[in-house]
Amino acid sequence: MKASRRIILIACLVFAFLLISGCAHQPLPPSRGLPGFWKGLLHGFIAPVSFIISLFSDNRIYEFPNAGRWYDFGFMLGIGGFSGGIFGASKKR
């Protein structure tokens, strides 16, 4: 009897999750175009400041929607440039 109650509980939880996730939506794309490589690079450079601001307001670090892989590539280059890149920690002092 306990096994059937567990199955019913799991089925109800899955149903509730699917019902609630059906209400999720993403913001509409901006009318001025999707951000690409250069905007990703800029957002990568200002990511530490954006993170601090996002703690106190409704601000995103990573822009959505974006142009995809080129935005990702620019963002990663910007983050790497801010932190000194892969060779930043290997400098001899």
PDB file of N, CA and C in Angstrom:
ATOM      1  N   MET A   1       0.818  -1.189   0.000  1.00  0.00           N
ATOM      2  CA  MET A   1       0.000   0.000   0.000  1.00  0.00           C
ATOM      3  C   MET A   1       0.866   1.259   0.000  1.00  0.00           C
ATOM      4  N   LYS A   2       1.993   1.239   0.689  1.00  0.00           N
ATOM      5  CA  LYS A   2       2.849   2.413   0.758  1.00  0.00           C
ATOM      6  C   LYS A   2       3.499   2.716  -0.583  1.00  0.00           C
ATOM      7  N   ALA A   3       3.791   1.686  -1.353  1.00  0.00           N
ATOM      8  CA  ALA A   3       4.397   1.898  -2.665  1.00  0.00           C
ATOM      9  C   ALA A   3       3.435   2.617  -3.599  1.00  0.00           C
ATOM     10  N   SER A   4       2.169   2.291  -3.536  1.00  0.00           N
ATOM     11  CA  SER A   4       1.196   2.948  -4.408  1.00  0.00           C
ATOM     12  C   SER A   4       0.989   4.408  -3.993  1.00  0.00           C
ATOM     13  N   ARG A   5       1.040   4.703  -2.703  1.00  0.00           N
ATOM     14  CA  ARG A   5       0.944   6.098  -2.248  1.00  0.00           C
ATOM     15  C   ARG A   5       2.144   6.909  -2.716  1.00  0.00           C
ATOM     16  N   ARG A   6       3.315   6.307  -2.691  1.00  0.00           N
ATOM     17  CA  ARG A   6       4.526   6.987  -3.136  1.00  0.00           C
ATOM     18  C   ARG A   6       4.432   7.292  -4.628  1.00  0.00           C
ATOM     19  N   ILE A   7       3.925   6.352  -5.403  1.00  0.00           N
ATOM     20  CA  ILE A   7       3.778   6.564  -6.845  1.00  0.00           C
ATOM     21  C   ILE A   7       2.770   7.674  -7.121  1.00  0.00           C
ATOM     22  N   ILE A   8       1.673   7.681  -6.388  1.00  0.00           N
ATOM     23  CA  ILE A   8       0.669   8.735  -6.558  1.00  0.00           C
ATOM     24  C   ILE A   8       1.248  10.090  -6.179  1.00  0.00           C
ATOM     25  N   LEU A   9       2.008  10.161  -5.092  1.00  0.00           N
ATOM     26  CA  LEU A   9       2.634  11.416  -4.670  1.00  0.00           C
ATOM     27  C   LEU A   9       3.615  11.915  -5.722  1.00  0.00           C
ATOM     28  N   ILE A  10       4.446  11.028  -6.239  1.00  0.00           N
ATOM     29  CA  ILE A  10       5.414  11.424  -7.268  1.00  0.00           C
ATOM     30  C   ILE A  10       4.690  11.889  -8.524  1.00  0.00           C
ATOM     31  N   ALA A  11       3.625  11.199  -8.923  1.00  0.00           N
ATOM     32  CA  ALA A  11       2.860  11.597 -10.106  1.00  0.00           C
ATOM     33  C   ALA A  11       2.228  12.975  -9.909  1.00  0.00           C
ATOM     34  N   CYS A  12       1.719  13.238  -8.720  1.00  0.00           N
ATOM     35  CA  CYS A  12       1.132  14.552  -8.431  1.00  0.00           C
ATOM     36  C   CYS A  12       2.183  15.651  -8.466  1.00  0.00           C
ATOM     37  N   LEU A  13       3.360  15.376  -7.912  1.00  0.00           N
ATOM     38  CA  LEU A  13       4.439  16.363  -7.936  1.00  0.00           C
ATOM     39  C   LEU A  13       4.915  16.645  -9.351  1.00  0.00           C
ATOM     40  N   VAL A  14       5.046  15.618 -10.168  1.00  0.00           N
ATOM     41  CA  VAL A  14       5.444  15.807 -11.567  1.00  0.00           C
ATOM     42  C   VAL A  14       4.384  16.612 -12.310  1.00  0.00           C
ATOM     43  N   PHE A  15       3.129  16.296 -12.087  1.00  0.00           N
ATOM     44  CA  PHE A  15       2.046  17.036 -12.730  1.00  0.00           C
ATOM     45  C   PHE A  15       2.061  18.506 -12.304  1.00  0.00           C
ATOM     46  N   ALA A  16       2.248  18.763 -11.027  1.00  0.00           N
ATOM     47  CA  ALA A  16       2.294  20.140 -10.533  1.00  0.00           C
ATOM     48  C   ALA A  16       3.482  20.888 -11.129  1.00  0.00           C
ATOM     49  N   PHE A  17       4.635  20.230 -11.212  1.00  0.00           N
ATOM     50  CA  PHE A  17       5.818  20.863 -11.801  1.00  0.00           C
ATOM     51  C   PHE A  17       5.562  21.220 -13.264  1.00  0.00           C
ATOM     52  N   LEU A  18       4.982  20.295 -14.031  1.00  0.00           N
ATOM     53  CA  LEU A  18       4.695  20.557 -15.441  1.00  0.00           C
ATOM     54  C   LEU A  18       3.653  21.662 -15.599  1.00  0.00           C
ATOM     55  N   LEU A  19       2.679  21.697 -14.717  1.00  0.00           N
ATOM     56  CA  LEU A  19       1.652  22.732 -14.769  1.00  0.00           C
ATOM     57  C   LEU A  19       2.250  24.109 -14.495  1.00  0.00           C
ATOM     58  N   ILE A  20       3.090  24.199 -13.486  1.00  0.00           N
ATOM     59  CA  ILE A  20       3.708  25.479 -13.133  1.00  0.00           C
ATOM     60  C   ILE A  20       4.734  25.900 -14.180  1.00  0.00           C
ATOM     61  N   SER A  21       5.517  24.968 -14.706  1.00  0.00           N
ATOM     62  CA  SER A  21       6.526  25.331 -15.698  1.00  0.00           C
ATOM     63  C   SER A  21       5.900  25.771 -17.012  1.00  0.00           C
ATOM     64  N   GLY A  22       4.662  25.417 -17.253  1.00  0.00           N
ATOM     65  CA  GLY A  22       3.975  25.881 -18.452  1.00  0.00           C
ATOM     66  C   GLY A  22       3.683  27.369 -18.413  1.00  0.00           C
ATOM     67  N   CYS A  23       3.759  27.978 -17.252  1.00  0.00           N
ATOM     68  CA  CYS A  23       3.513  29.411 -17.113  1.00  0.00           C
ATOM     69  C   CYS A  23       4.772  30.247 -17.313  1.00  0.00           C
ATOM     70  N   ALA A  24       5.917  29.613 -17.418  1.00  0.00           N
ATOM     71  CA  ALA A  24       7.178  30.344 -17.551  1.00  0.00           C
ATOM     72  C   ALA A  24       7.265  30.993 -18.923  1.00  0.00           C
ATOM     73  N   HIS A  25       7.882  32.155 -18.991  1.00  0.00           N
ATOM     74  CA  HIS A  25       8.092  32.840 -20.267  1.00  0.00           C
ATOM     75  C   HIS A  25       9.421  33.571 -20.235  1.00  0.00           C
ATOM     76  N   GLN A  26       9.909  33.916 -21.390  1.00  0.00           N
ATOM     77  CA  GLN A  26      11.147  34.661 -21.522  1.00  0.00           C
ATOM     78  C   GLN A  26      10.812  36.069 -21.995  1.00  0.00           C
ATOM     79  N   PRO A  27      11.671  37.033 -21.682  1.00  0.00           N
ATOM     80  CA  PRO A  27      11.398  38.396 -22.146  1.00  0.00           C
ATOM     81  C   PRO A  27      11.476  38.484 -23.672  1.00  0.00           C
ATOM     82  N   LEU A  28      10.768  39.442 -24.222  1.00  0.00           N
ATOM     83  CA  LEU A  28      10.780  39.641 -25.663  1.00  0.00           C
ATOM     84  C   LEU A  28      12.122  40.200 -26.120  1.00  0.00           C
ATOM     85  N   PRO A  29      12.541  39.868 -27.348  1.00  0.00           N
ATOM     86  CA  PRO A  29      13.796  40.428 -27.846  1.00  0.00           C
ATOM     87  C   PRO A  29      13.691  41.944 -28.002  1.00  0.00           C
ATOM     88  N   PRO A  30      14.798  42.641 -27.810  1.00  0.00           N
ATOM     89  CA  PRO A  30      14.759  44.100 -27.950  1.00  0.00           C
ATOM     90  C   PRO A  30      14.490  44.487 -29.400  1.00  0.00           C
ATOM     91  N   SER A  31      13.868  45.627 -29.594  1.00  0.00           N
ATOM     92  CA  SER A  31      13.520  46.071 -30.944  1.00  0.00           C
ATOM     93  C   SER A  31      14.745  46.565 -31.706  1.00  0.00           C
ATOM     94  N   ARG A  32      15.834  46.854 -31.023  1.00  0.00           N
ATOM     95  CA  ARG A  32      17.027  47.383 -31.683  1.00  0.00           C
ATOM     96  C   ARG A  32      17.987  46.281 -32.116  1.00  0.00           C
ATOM     97  N   GLY A  33      17.634  45.032 -31.994  1.00  0.00           N
ATOM     98  CA  GLY A  33      18.480  43.932 -32.444  1.00  0.00           C
ATOM     99  C   GLY A  33      19.074  43.156 -31.287  1.00  0.00           C
ATOM    100  N   LEU A  34      19.527  41.968 -31.591  1.00  0.00           N
ATOM    101  CA  LEU A  34      20.110  41.116 -30.561  1.00  0.00           C
ATOM    102  C   LEU A  34      21.552  41.507 -30.299  1.00  0.00           C
ATOM    103  N   PRO A  35      21.986  41.490 -29.049  1.00  0.00           N
ATOM    104  CA  PRO A  35      23.377  41.808 -28.760  1.00  0.00           C
ATOM    105  C   PRO A  35      24.299  40.695 -29.255  1.00  0.00           C
ATOM    106  N   GLY A  36      25.407  41.079 -29.839  1.00  0.00           N
ATOM    107  CA  GLY A  36      26.358  40.126 -30.400  1.00  0.00           C
ATOM    108  C   GLY A  36      27.700  40.159 -29.686  1.00  0.00           C
ATOM    109  N   PHE A  37      28.766  39.973 -30.454  1.00  0.00           N
ATOM    110  CA  PHE A  37      30.111  39.845 -29.902  1.00  0.00           C
ATOM    111  C   PHE A  37      30.537  41.071 -29.101  1.00  0.00           C
ATOM    112  N   TRP A  38      30.374  42.263 -29.667  1.00  0.00           N
ATOM    113  CA  TRP A  38      30.887  43.465 -29.004  1.00  0.00           C
ATOM    114  C   TRP A  38      30.148  43.773 -27.712  1.00  0.00           C
ATOM    115  N   LYS A  39      28.856  43.552 -27.718  1.00  0.00           N
ATOM    116  CA  LYS A  39      28.099  43.774 -26.488  1.00  0.00           C
ATOM    117  C   LYS A  39      28.458  42.717 -25.440  1.00  0.00           C
ATOM    118  N   GLY A  40      28.721  41.473 -25.892  1.00  0.00           N
ATOM    119  CA  GLY A  40      29.167  40.427 -24.978  1.00  0.00           C
ATOM    120  C   GLY A  40      30.508  40.773 -24.353  1.00  0.00           C
ATOM    121  N   LEU A  41      31.410  41.324 -25.169  1.00  0.00           N
ATOM    122  CA  LEU A  41      32.721  41.740 -24.659  1.00  0.00           C
ATOM    123  C   LEU A  41      32.570  42.824 -23.599  1.00  0.00           C
ATOM    124  N   LEU A  42      31.718  43.804 -23.878  1.00  0.00           N
ATOM    125  CA  LEU A  42      31.462  44.874 -22.908  1.00  0.00           C
ATOM    126  C   LEU A  42      30.858  44.317 -21.632  1.00  0.00           C
ATOM    127  N   HIS A  43      29.876  43.431 -21.768  1.00  0.00           N
ATOM    128  CA  HIS A  43      29.236  42.855 -20.580  1.00  0.00           C
ATOM    129  C   HIS A  43      30.207  41.996 -19.784  1.00  0.00           C
ATOM    130  N   GLY A  44      31.166  41.370 -20.463  1.00  0.00           N
ATOM    131  CA  GLY A  44      32.189  40.610 -19.752  1.00  0.00           C
ATOM    132  C   GLY A  44      33.098  41.517 -18.930  1.00  0.00           C
ATOM    133  N   PHE A  45      33.468  42.679 -19.495  1.00  0.00           N
ATOM    134  CA  PHE A  45      34.319  43.618 -18.761  1.00  0.00           C
ATOM    135  C   PHE A  45      33.621  44.187 -17.530  1.00  0.00           C
ATOM    136  N   ILE A  46      32.328  44.452 -17.652  1.00  0.00           N
ATOM    137  CA  ILE A  46      31.621  45.085 -16.531  1.00  0.00           C
ATOM    138  C   ILE A  46      30.895  44.077 -15.645  1.00  0.00           C
ATOM    139  N   ALA A  47      31.126  42.779 -15.859  1.00  0.00           N
ATOM    140  CA  ALA A  47      30.423  41.743 -15.092  1.00  0.00           C
ATOM    141  C   ALA A  47      30.618  41.855 -13.577  1.00  0.00           C
ATOM    142  N   PRO A  48      31.827  42.116 -13.071  1.00  0.00           N
ATOM    143  CA  PRO A  48      31.960  42.228 -11.599  1.00  0.00           C
ATOM    144  C   PRO A  48      31.118  43.366 -11.015  1.00  0.00           C
ATOM    145  N   VAL A  49      31.083  44.494 -11.703  1.00  0.00           N
ATOM    146  CA  VAL A  49      30.272  45.615 -11.232  1.00  0.00           C
ATOM    147  C   VAL A  49      28.786  45.268 -11.359  1.00  0.00           C
ATOM    148  N   SER A  50      28.415  44.621 -12.475  1.00  0.00           N
ATOM    149  CA  SER A  50      27.018  44.219 -12.668  1.00  0.00           C
ATOM    150  C   SER A  50      26.576  43.227 -11.608  1.00  0.00           C
ATOM    151  N   PHE A  51      27.482  42.362 -11.185  1.00  0.00           N
ATOM    152  CA  PHE A  51      27.132  41.400 -10.145  1.00  0.00           C
ATOM    153  C   PHE A  51      26.790  42.104  -8.839  1.00  0.00           C
ATOM    154  N   ILE A  52      27.586  43.069  -8.468  1.00  0.00           N
ATOM    155  CA  ILE A  52      27.324  43.810  -7.227  1.00  0.00           C
ATOM    156  C   ILE A  52      26.005  44.568  -7.332  1.00  0.00           C
ATOM    157  N   ILE A  53      25.749  45.183  -8.477  1.00  0.00           N
ATOM    158  CA  ILE A  53      24.496  45.909  -8.672  1.00  0.00           C
ATOM    159  C   ILE A  53      23.311  44.948  -8.639  1.00  0.00           C
ATOM    160  N   SER A  54      23.496  43.734  -9.195  1.00  0.00           N
ATOM    161  CA  SER A  54      22.390  42.772  -9.241  1.00  0.00           C
ATOM    162  C   SER A  54      21.988  42.270  -7.859  1.00  0.00           C
ATOM    163  N   LEU A  55      22.860  42.408  -6.878  1.00  0.00           N
ATOM    164  CA  LEU A  55      22.511  42.010  -5.522  1.00  0.00           C
ATOM    165  C   LEU A  55      21.458  42.929  -4.909  1.00  0.00           C
ATOM    166  N   PHE A  56      21.406  44.184  -5.377  1.00  0.00           N
ATOM    167  CA  PHE A  56      20.513  45.170  -4.786  1.00  0.00           C
ATOM    168  C   PHE A  56      19.385  45.613  -5.711  1.00  0.00           C
ATOM    169  N   SER A  57      19.396  45.168  -6.972  1.00  0.00           N
ATOM    170  CA  SER A  57      18.345  45.557  -7.906  1.00  0.00           C
ATOM    171  C   SER A  57      18.037  44.400  -8.852  1.00  0.00           C
ATOM    172  N   ASP A  58      17.072  44.619  -9.721  1.00  0.00           N
ATOM    173  CA  ASP A  58      16.684  43.596 -10.692  1.00  0.00           C
ATOM    174  C   ASP A  58      17.487  43.809 -11.973  1.00  0.00           C
ATOM    175  N   ASN A  59      18.762  43.478 -11.916  1.00  0.00           N
ATOM    176  CA  ASN A  59      19.683  43.667 -13.032  1.00  0.00           C
ATOM    177  C   ASN A  59      20.304  42.321 -13.382  1.00  0.00           C
ATOM    178  N   ARG A  60      20.460  42.047 -14.665  1.00  0.00           N
ATOM    179  CA  ARG A  60      21.073  40.796 -15.089  1.00  0.00           C
ATOM    180  C   ARG A  60      22.523  41.021 -15.481  1.00  0.00           C
ATOM    181  N   ILE A  61      23.352  40.050 -15.193  1.00  0.00           N
ATOM    182  CA  ILE A  61      24.747  40.107 -15.604  1.00  0.00           C
ATOM    183  C   ILE A  61      24.868  39.700 -17.065  1.00  0.00           C
ATOM    184  N   TYR A  62      24.150  38.667 -17.442  1.00  0.00           N
ATOM    185  CA  TYR A  62      24.224  38.060 -18.760  1.00  0.00           C
ATOM    186  C   TYR A  62      22.948  38.408 -19.511  1.00  0.00           C
ATOM    187  N   GLU A  63      23.066  39.082 -20.653  1.00  0.00           N
ATOM    188  CA  GLU A  63      21.875  39.562 -21.349  1.00  0.00           C
ATOM    189  C   GLU A  63      21.132  38.435 -22.057  1.00  0.00           C
ATOM    190  N   PHE A  64      19.838  38.456 -21.929  1.00  0.00           N
ATOM    191  CA  PHE A  64      18.976  37.511 -22.631  1.00  0.00           C
ATOM    192  C   PHE A  64      17.875  38.289 -23.305  1.00  0.00           C
ATOM    193  N   PRO A  65      17.483  37.992 -24.505  1.00  0.00           N
ATOM    194  CA  PRO A  65      18.110  37.066 -25.438  1.00  0.00           C
ATOM    195  C   PRO A  65      19.324  37.708 -26.089  1.00  0.00           C
ATOM    196  N   ASN A  66      20.229  36.880 -26.529  1.00  0.00           N
ATOM    197  CA  ASN A  66      21.425  37.380 -27.197  1.00  0.00           C
ATOM    198  C   ASN A  66      21.608  36.637 -28.511  1.00  0.00           C
ATOM    199  N   ALA A  67      22.677  36.972 -29.237  1.00  0.00           N
ATOM    200  CA  ALA A  67      22.891  36.415 -30.574  1.00  0.00           C
ATOM    201  C   ALA A  67      23.499  35.019 -30.535  1.00  0.00           C
ATOM    202  N   GLY A  68      23.722  34.467 -29.369  1.00  0.00           N
ATOM    203  CA  GLY A  68      24.203  33.082 -29.288  1.00  0.00           C
ATOM    204  C   GLY A  68      25.678  32.972 -29.015  1.00  0.00           C
ATOM    205  N   ARG A  69      26.344  32.152 -29.803  1.00  0.00           N
ATOM    206  CA  ARG A  69      27.752  31.817 -29.538  1.00  0.00           C
ATOM    207  C   ARG A  69      28.685  33.013 -29.619  1.00  0.00           C
ATOM    208  N   TRP A  70      28.413  33.971 -30.511  1.00  0.00           N
ATOM    209  CA  TRP A  70      29.294  35.129 -30.592  1.00  0.00           C
ATOM    210  C   TRP A  70      29.196  35.991 -29.340  1.00  0.00           C
ATOM    211  N   TYR A  71      27.999  36.127 -28.798  1.00  0.00           N
ATOM    212  CA  TYR A  71      27.845  36.851 -27.537  1.00  0.00           C
ATOM    213  C   TYR A  71      28.584  36.113 -26.424  1.00  0.00           C
ATOM    214  N   ASP A  72      28.427  34.791 -26.372  1.00  0.00           N
ATOM    215  CA  ASP A  72      29.114  33.980 -25.362  1.00  0.00           C
ATOM    216  C   ASP A  72      30.624  34.144 -25.464  1.00  0.00           C
ATOM    217  N   PHE A  73      31.143  34.100 -26.692  1.00  0.00           N
ATOM    218  CA  PHE A  73      32.583  34.233 -26.912  1.00  0.00           C
ATOM    219  C   PHE A  73      33.083  35.605 -26.437  1.00  0.00           C
ATOM    220  N   GLY A  74      32.360  36.658 -26.802  1.00  0.00           N
ATOM    221  CA  GLY A  74      32.737  37.999 -26.350  1.00  0.00           C
ATOM    222  C   GLY A  74      32.654  38.139 -24.843  1.00  0.00           C
ATOM    223  N   PHE A  75      31.639  37.552 -24.247  1.00  0.00           N
ATOM    224  CA  PHE A  75      31.483  37.612 -22.792  1.00  0.00           C
ATOM    225  C   PHE A  75      32.662  36.926 -22.101  1.00  0.00           C
ATOM    226  N   MET A  76      33.032  35.755 -22.591  1.00  0.00           N
ATOM    227  CA  MET A  76      34.155  35.033 -21.975  1.00  0.00           C
ATOM    228  C   MET A  76      35.474  35.779 -22.165  1.00  0.00           C
ATOM    229  N   LEU A  77      35.682  36.391 -23.329  1.00  0.00           N
ATOM    230  CA  LEU A  77      36.885  37.200 -23.527  1.00  0.00           C
ATOM    231  C   LEU A  77      36.891  38.396 -22.579  1.00  0.00           C
ATOM    232  N   GLY A  78      35.728  39.019 -22.393  1.00  0.00           N
ATOM    233  CA  GLY A  78      35.638  40.160 -21.484  1.00  0.00           C
ATOM    234  C   GLY A  78      35.923  39.765 -20.046  1.00  0.00           C
ATOM    235  N   ILE A  79      35.378  38.648 -19.601  1.00  0.00           N
ATOM    236  CA  ILE A  79      35.657  38.156 -18.247  1.00  0.00           C
ATOM    237  C   ILE A  79      37.139  37.851 -18.096  1.00  0.00           C
ATOM    238  N   GLY A  80      37.716  37.207 -19.106  1.00  0.00           N
ATOM    239  CA  GLY A  80      39.145  36.883 -19.061  1.00  0.00           C
ATOM    240  C   GLY A  80      40.016  38.127 -19.066  1.00  0.00           C
ATOM    241  N   GLY A  81      39.613  39.139 -19.821  1.00  0.00           N
ATOM    242  CA  GLY A  81      40.373  40.380 -19.864  1.00  0.00           C
ATOM    243  C   GLY A  81      40.331  41.112 -18.540  1.00  0.00           C
ATOM    244  N   PHE A  82      39.206  41.059 -17.864  1.00  0.00           N
ATOM    245  CA  PHE A  82      39.091  41.734 -16.573  1.00  0.00           C
ATOM    246  C   PHE A  82      39.950  41.047 -15.522  1.00  0.00           C
ATOM    247  N   SER A  83      39.989  39.733 -15.567  1.00  0.00           N
ATOM    248  CA  SER A  83      40.711  38.995 -14.534  1.00  0.00           C
ATOM    249  C   SER A  83      42.176  38.757 -14.878  1.00  0.00           C
ATOM    250  N   GLY A  84      42.635  39.252 -16.004  1.00  0.00           N
ATOM    251  CA  GLY A  84      44.034  39.073 -16.376  1.00  0.00           C
ATOM    252  C   GLY A  84      44.247  37.888 -17.296  1.00  0.00           C
ATOM    253  N   GLY A  85      43.194  37.209 -17.700  1.00  0.00           N
ATOM    254  CA  GLY A  85      43.330  36.090 -18.611  1.00  0.00           C
ATOM    255  C   GLY A  85      43.925  34.863 -17.948  1.00  0.00           C
ATOM    256  N   ILE A  86      44.262  33.887 -18.760  1.00  0.00           N
ATOM    257  CA  ILE A  86      44.784  32.642 -18.197  1.00  0.00           C
ATOM    258  C   ILE A  86      46.208  32.793 -17.689  1.00  0.00           C
ATOM    259  N   PHE A  87      46.886  33.850 -18.127  1.00  0.00           N
ATOM    260  CA  PHE A  87      48.263  34.042 -17.680  1.00  0.00           C
ATOM    261  C   PHE A  87      48.363  35.034 -16.530  1.00  0.00           C
ATOM    262  N   GLY A  88      47.247  35.547 -16.044  1.00  0.00           N
ATOM    263  CA  GLY A  88      47.263  36.536 -14.963  1.00  0.00           C
ATOM    264  C   GLY A  88      47.825  35.996 -13.666  1.00  0.00           C
ATOM    265  N   ALA A  89      47.573  34.758 -13.333  1.00  0.00           N
ATOM    266  CA  ALA A  89      48.048  34.196 -12.082  1.00  0.00           C
ATOM    267  C   ALA A  89      49.423  33.572 -12.193  1.00  0.00           C
ATOM    268  N   SER A  90      49.913  33.422 -13.433  1.00  0.00           N
ATOM    269  CA  SER A  90      51.192  32.740 -13.608  1.00  0.00           C
ATOM    270  C   SER A  90      52.374  33.701 -13.677  1.00  0.00           C
ATOM    271  N   LYS A  91      52.163  34.980 -13.455  1.00  0.00           N
ATOM    272  CA  LYS A  91      53.264  35.945 -13.494  1.00  0.00           C
ATOM    273  C   LYS A  91      54.207  35.710 -12.328  1.00  0.00           C
ATOM    274  N   LYS A  92      55.489  35.737 -12.633  1.00  0.00           N
ATOM    275  CA  LYS A  92      56.476  35.603 -11.564  1.00  0.00           C
ATOM    276  C   LYS A  92      56.639  36.944 -10.877  1.00  0.00           C
ATOM    277  N   ARG A  93      56.731  36.881  -9.560  1.00  0.00           N
ATOM    278  CA  ARG A  93      56.834  38.126  -8.796  1.00  0.00           C
ATOM    279  C   ARG A  93      58.199  38.296  -8.236  1.00  0.00           C
TER     280      ARG A  93
END
